[in-house]
Amino acid sequence: MIDLTMDMEQYDCPFIDTTDDHDVSFRAVQWHFDGRARQLETRMIVEGTDREGLESGLSTLQAHSNMRQCELFKKRDETALIRTTIEETNAMRVIRDNGGYVTGPFYIEDGRERWEIGFDEDRSANDALADLERNNEFTVESRDAFELDDMFDLLDNADAATRLLEGCRILSEVERETLEVAARKGYFDQPRGATLQMLANEFDVSDTAVSKNVRRAERKVLKRVVEALESMD
């Protein structure tokens, strides 16, 4: 299996066009492609910078020429959950015609879309990329080849992987940034490549504050790591 992560700009996608004009983002939580009707059904989380931006974005999305149906399920402050049905885009057709399939959720922001797609053969992936270049702009951010053993290992340990993701998601923004900078600067290396004072200067806080942020982040992540280790096959 060939797994591609792509930064995609489609010229006929309602979601991309909407994020070009409004400060909103879309994250797919469910998707289904109807091969006969040649249309994509999704449930999307929509986030705006404020309530007014969200309303403007939803109005533009509903009026798009490639939008067949847009139904609002729930709305709170600057966030909404919607169900949409759109016509098949050029990129969708190219992926399907070359035997490709979606392997992860879509994320759309600032006129760009993050795609996770897979192919059974290397040649199919190459043919699809060549066809996509005719009517779309994209960048392949990563390309990985998975053998059957790797896929089975991932499926067998999906629960462990989920626990690791949860460990990352429960970090606050400050904790995440502190942990990322500490690791990048070598704070956890032996000998240390950075001191607490250096990290404190990076964030313009006291040594005590940055130390607390590091420790809190470590506790949250390590707890999930231990849980993941216990659940691994």
Protein backbone atom coordinates (compact mmCIF):
# COMPACT_ATOMS: atom_id res chain seq x y z
CA MET A 1 0.00 0.00 0.00
CA ILE A 2 1.20 3.49 -0.91
CA ASP A 3 0.00 6.17 1.52
CA LEU A 4 0.15 9.82 0.44
CA THR A 5 -0.36 12.97 2.49
CA MET A 6 -1.10 15.88 0.16
CA ASP A 7 -1.64 19.62 0.41
CA MET A 8 -4.32 20.07 -2.25
CA GLU A 9 -5.93 23.05 -3.96
CA GLN A 10 -8.92 22.03 -6.05
CA TYR A 11 -10.47 24.60 -8.36
CA ASP A 12 -13.99 23.16 -8.13
CA CYS A 13 -14.31 22.40 -4.39
CA PRO A 14 -16.96 24.37 -2.42
CA PHE A 15 -15.04 24.05 0.84
CA ILE A 16 -11.78 25.36 -0.59
CA ASP A 17 -13.54 28.27 -2.32
CA THR A 18 -15.30 29.18 0.94
CA THR A 19 -12.09 29.20 2.99
CA ASP A 20 -10.51 31.41 0.33
CA ASP A 21 -13.10 34.12 1.04
CA HIS A 22 -13.86 33.63 4.74
CA ASP A 23 -11.96 32.88 7.97
CA VAL A 24 -13.48 29.44 8.45
CA SER A 25 -12.08 25.91 8.44
CA PHE A 26 -13.66 22.52 7.77
CA ARG A 27 -12.83 19.17 9.34
CA ALA A 28 -14.49 15.98 8.09
CA VAL A 29 -15.80 13.61 10.74
CA GLN A 30 -17.54 11.28 8.25
CA TRP A 31 -17.49 10.86 4.49
CA HIS A 32 -19.10 8.56 1.92
CA PHE A 33 -18.78 8.57 -1.86
CA ASP A 34 -21.80 7.49 -3.90
CA GLY A 35 -20.33 5.96 -7.07
CA ARG A 36 -23.62 5.94 -8.97
CA ALA A 37 -24.64 9.49 -8.19
CA ARG A 38 -20.99 10.66 -8.43
CA GLN A 39 -21.28 12.72 -5.29
CA LEU A 40 -19.60 12.96 -1.89
CA GLU A 41 -21.56 13.05 1.36
CA THR A 42 -19.78 14.42 4.45
CA ARG A 43 -20.40 15.54 7.98
CA MET A 44 -18.17 18.49 8.75
CA ILE A 45 -17.12 20.50 11.77
CA VAL A 46 -16.99 24.16 10.72
CA GLU A 47 -15.01 26.63 12.79
CA GLY A 48 -14.93 30.40 12.33
CA THR A 49 -12.89 33.09 14.03
CA ASP A 50 -16.18 34.47 15.38
CA ARG A 51 -19.95 33.98 15.03
CA GLU A 52 -20.26 36.49 12.20
CA GLY A 53 -17.44 34.83 10.23
CA LEU A 54 -19.08 31.43 10.69
CA GLU A 55 -22.44 32.71 9.41
CA SER A 56 -20.84 34.32 6.35
CA GLY A 57 -18.88 31.17 5.56
CA LEU A 58 -21.96 28.94 5.81
CA SER A 59 -23.95 31.25 3.52
CA THR A 60 -21.20 31.19 0.89
CA LEU A 61 -20.91 27.43 1.12
CA GLN A 62 -24.64 26.87 0.68
CA ALA A 63 -24.71 29.09 -2.41
CA HIS A 64 -21.77 27.39 -4.17
CA SER A 65 -22.59 25.99 -7.61
CA ASN A 66 -21.05 22.60 -6.77
CA MET A 67 -23.04 22.20 -3.53
CA ARG A 68 -26.06 19.92 -3.81
CA GLN A 69 -27.14 19.91 -0.18
CA CYS A 70 -25.99 21.65 2.99
CA GLU A 71 -27.88 20.92 6.22
CA LEU A 72 -27.09 22.48 9.59
CA PHE A 73 -27.21 20.01 12.50
CA LYS A 74 -25.96 22.12 15.39
CA LYS A 75 -24.38 25.53 15.95
CA ARG A 76 -22.75 27.00 19.04
CA ASP A 77 -20.79 30.24 19.13
CA GLU A 78 -18.27 30.07 16.25
CA THR A 79 -18.58 26.30 15.64
CA ALA A 80 -21.13 24.29 13.65
CA LEU A 81 -21.78 20.71 12.56
CA ILE A 82 -23.15 20.32 9.03
CA ARG A 83 -24.08 17.56 6.60
CA THR A 84 -23.19 18.23 2.98
CA THR A 85 -23.48 16.59 -0.41
CA ILE A 86 -21.27 17.90 -3.21
CA GLU A 87 -20.76 16.89 -6.81
CA GLU A 88 -17.70 14.86 -7.68
CA THR A 89 -14.69 17.12 -8.15
CA ASN A 90 -11.98 16.58 -10.77
CA ALA A 91 -9.53 15.41 -8.12
CA MET A 92 -12.02 12.89 -6.72
CA ARG A 93 -12.57 11.44 -10.18
CA VAL A 94 -8.83 11.15 -10.83
CA ILE A 95 -8.21 9.38 -7.53
CA ARG A 96 -11.08 6.93 -8.08
CA ASP A 97 -10.21 6.27 -11.73
CA ASN A 98 -6.70 5.28 -10.67
CA GLY A 99 -7.85 2.92 -7.93
CA GLY A 100 -7.20 5.31 -5.05
CA TYR A 101 -9.12 5.60 -1.80
CA VAL A 102 -9.35 7.95 1.17
CA THR A 103 -7.41 6.83 4.26
CA GLY A 104 -7.89 9.82 6.59
CA PRO A 105 -10.10 12.85 7.28
CA PHE A 106 -10.09 15.99 5.18
CA TYR A 107 -9.01 19.30 6.70
CA ILE A 108 -9.58 22.53 4.78
CA GLU A 109 -8.31 26.00 5.69
CA ASP A 110 -7.02 29.12 3.85
CA GLY A 111 -7.90 27.75 0.43
CA ARG A 112 -5.95 24.51 0.92
CA GLU A 113 -7.01 20.98 1.76
CA ARG A 114 -5.12 18.20 3.51
CA TRP A 115 -5.70 14.80 1.90
CA GLU A 116 -4.77 11.33 3.13
CA ILE A 117 -5.12 8.87 0.25
CA GLY A 118 -3.90 5.37 -0.53
CA PHE A 119 -3.13 3.18 -3.54
CA ASP A 120 -2.47 -0.54 -3.79
CA GLU A 121 0.41 -0.11 -6.24
CA ASP A 122 3.19 2.39 -6.77
CA ARG A 123 2.34 2.72 -10.47
CA SER A 124 -1.28 3.67 -9.70
CA ALA A 125 -0.11 6.40 -7.34
CA ASN A 126 2.25 7.82 -9.97
CA ASP A 127 -0.47 7.79 -12.66
CA ALA A 128 -2.89 9.57 -10.35
CA LEU A 129 -0.39 12.29 -9.48
CA ALA A 130 0.33 12.86 -13.17
CA ASP A 131 -3.39 13.18 -13.93
CA LEU A 132 -3.98 15.51 -10.97
CA GLU A 133 -1.41 18.00 -12.26
CA ARG A 134 -3.62 18.85 -15.24
CA ASN A 135 -6.40 20.55 -13.26
CA ASN A 136 -5.20 20.94 -9.67
CA GLU A 137 -2.35 22.32 -7.63
CA PHE A 138 -0.88 20.13 -4.92
CA THR A 139 2.20 19.24 -2.92
CA VAL A 140 2.98 15.72 -1.75
CA GLU A 141 4.01 16.22 1.87
CA SER A 142 4.80 12.57 2.56
CA ARG A 143 4.80 9.26 0.73
CA ASP A 144 5.06 5.97 2.61
CA ALA A 145 4.94 2.36 1.53
CA PHE A 146 3.32 -0.09 3.95
CA GLU A 147 3.81 -3.83 3.80
CA LEU A 148 1.10 -6.20 5.01
CA ASP A 149 2.94 -6.83 8.29
CA ASP A 150 3.02 -3.09 8.98
CA MET A 151 -0.70 -2.75 8.27
CA PHE A 152 -1.59 -5.70 10.50
CA ASP A 153 0.60 -4.27 13.26
CA LEU A 154 -1.19 -0.92 13.04
CA LEU A 155 -4.62 -2.54 13.06
CA ASP A 156 -3.73 -4.83 15.97
CA ASN A 157 -2.48 -1.87 18.01
CA ALA A 158 -5.09 0.71 17.06
CA ASP A 159 -6.08 1.13 20.71
CA ALA A 160 -2.48 1.90 21.71
CA ALA A 161 -2.22 4.45 18.88
CA THR A 162 -5.46 6.08 20.01
CA ARG A 163 -4.13 6.44 23.56
CA LEU A 164 -1.00 8.16 22.25
CA LEU A 165 -3.13 10.58 20.23
CA GLU A 166 -5.23 11.30 23.29
CA GLY A 167 -2.05 12.09 25.21
CA CYS A 168 -1.16 14.72 22.62
CA ARG A 169 -4.65 16.19 22.41
CA ILE A 170 -5.09 16.77 26.14
CA LEU A 171 -2.07 19.07 26.23
CA SER A 172 -2.87 22.75 26.50
CA GLU A 173 -1.44 25.04 23.83
CA VAL A 174 1.21 26.32 26.25
CA GLU A 175 2.17 22.79 27.33
CA ARG A 176 2.42 21.60 23.75
CA GLU A 177 4.57 24.52 22.64
CA THR A 178 6.82 24.19 25.71
CA LEU A 179 7.30 20.46 25.13
CA GLU A 180 8.02 20.94 21.42
CA VAL A 181 10.61 23.67 22.03
CA ALA A 182 12.22 21.76 24.91
CA ALA A 183 12.64 18.65 22.73
CA ARG A 184 13.88 20.64 19.74
CA LYS A 185 16.40 22.60 21.83
CA GLY A 186 17.78 19.43 23.45
CA TYR A 187 16.45 19.90 26.98
CA PHE A 188 15.87 16.15 27.32
CA ASP A 189 19.26 15.18 25.85
CA GLN A 190 22.15 13.91 27.95
CA PRO A 191 24.02 16.15 28.40
CA ARG A 192 21.32 18.81 28.06
CA GLY A 193 21.39 21.00 24.99
CA ALA A 194 19.21 23.60 26.71
CA THR A 195 18.61 24.69 30.31
CA LEU A 196 15.46 25.85 32.05
CA GLN A 197 16.83 29.39 31.86
CA MET A 198 17.14 29.10 28.07
CA LEU A 199 13.57 27.80 27.78
CA ALA A 200 12.33 30.54 30.11
CA ASN A 201 13.97 33.16 27.88
CA GLU A 202 12.36 31.54 24.83
CA PHE A 203 8.87 32.04 26.29
CA ASP A 204 9.64 35.17 28.32
CA VAL A 205 8.53 33.56 31.61
CA SER A 206 10.26 32.57 34.84
CA ASP A 207 12.28 29.40 35.34
CA THR A 208 9.60 28.15 37.72
CA ALA A 209 6.80 28.70 35.23
CA VAL A 210 8.52 26.92 32.36
CA SER A 211 9.51 24.06 34.69
CA LYS A 212 5.88 23.58 35.72
CA ASN A 213 4.75 23.58 32.09
CA VAL A 214 7.33 20.95 31.15
CA ARG A 215 6.43 18.72 34.10
CA ARG A 216 2.69 18.95 33.46
CA ALA A 217 3.20 18.08 29.79
CA GLU A 218 5.49 15.17 30.68
CA ARG A 219 2.98 13.73 33.16
CA LYS A 220 0.11 13.87 30.68
CA VAL A 221 2.05 12.33 27.80
CA LEU A 222 3.87 9.68 29.83
CA LYS A 223 0.62 8.49 31.42
CA ARG A 224 -0.78 7.80 27.95
CA VAL A 225 2.49 6.19 26.83
CA VAL A 226 2.32 3.74 29.73
CA GLU A 227 -1.33 2.96 28.94
CA ALA A 228 -0.41 2.41 25.28
CA LEU A 229 2.44 0.05 26.24
CA GLU A 230 0.09 -1.97 28.42
CA SER A 231 -2.44 -2.35 25.60
CA MET A 232 0.04 -3.19 22.82
CA ASP A 233 -0.03 -6.64 21.26
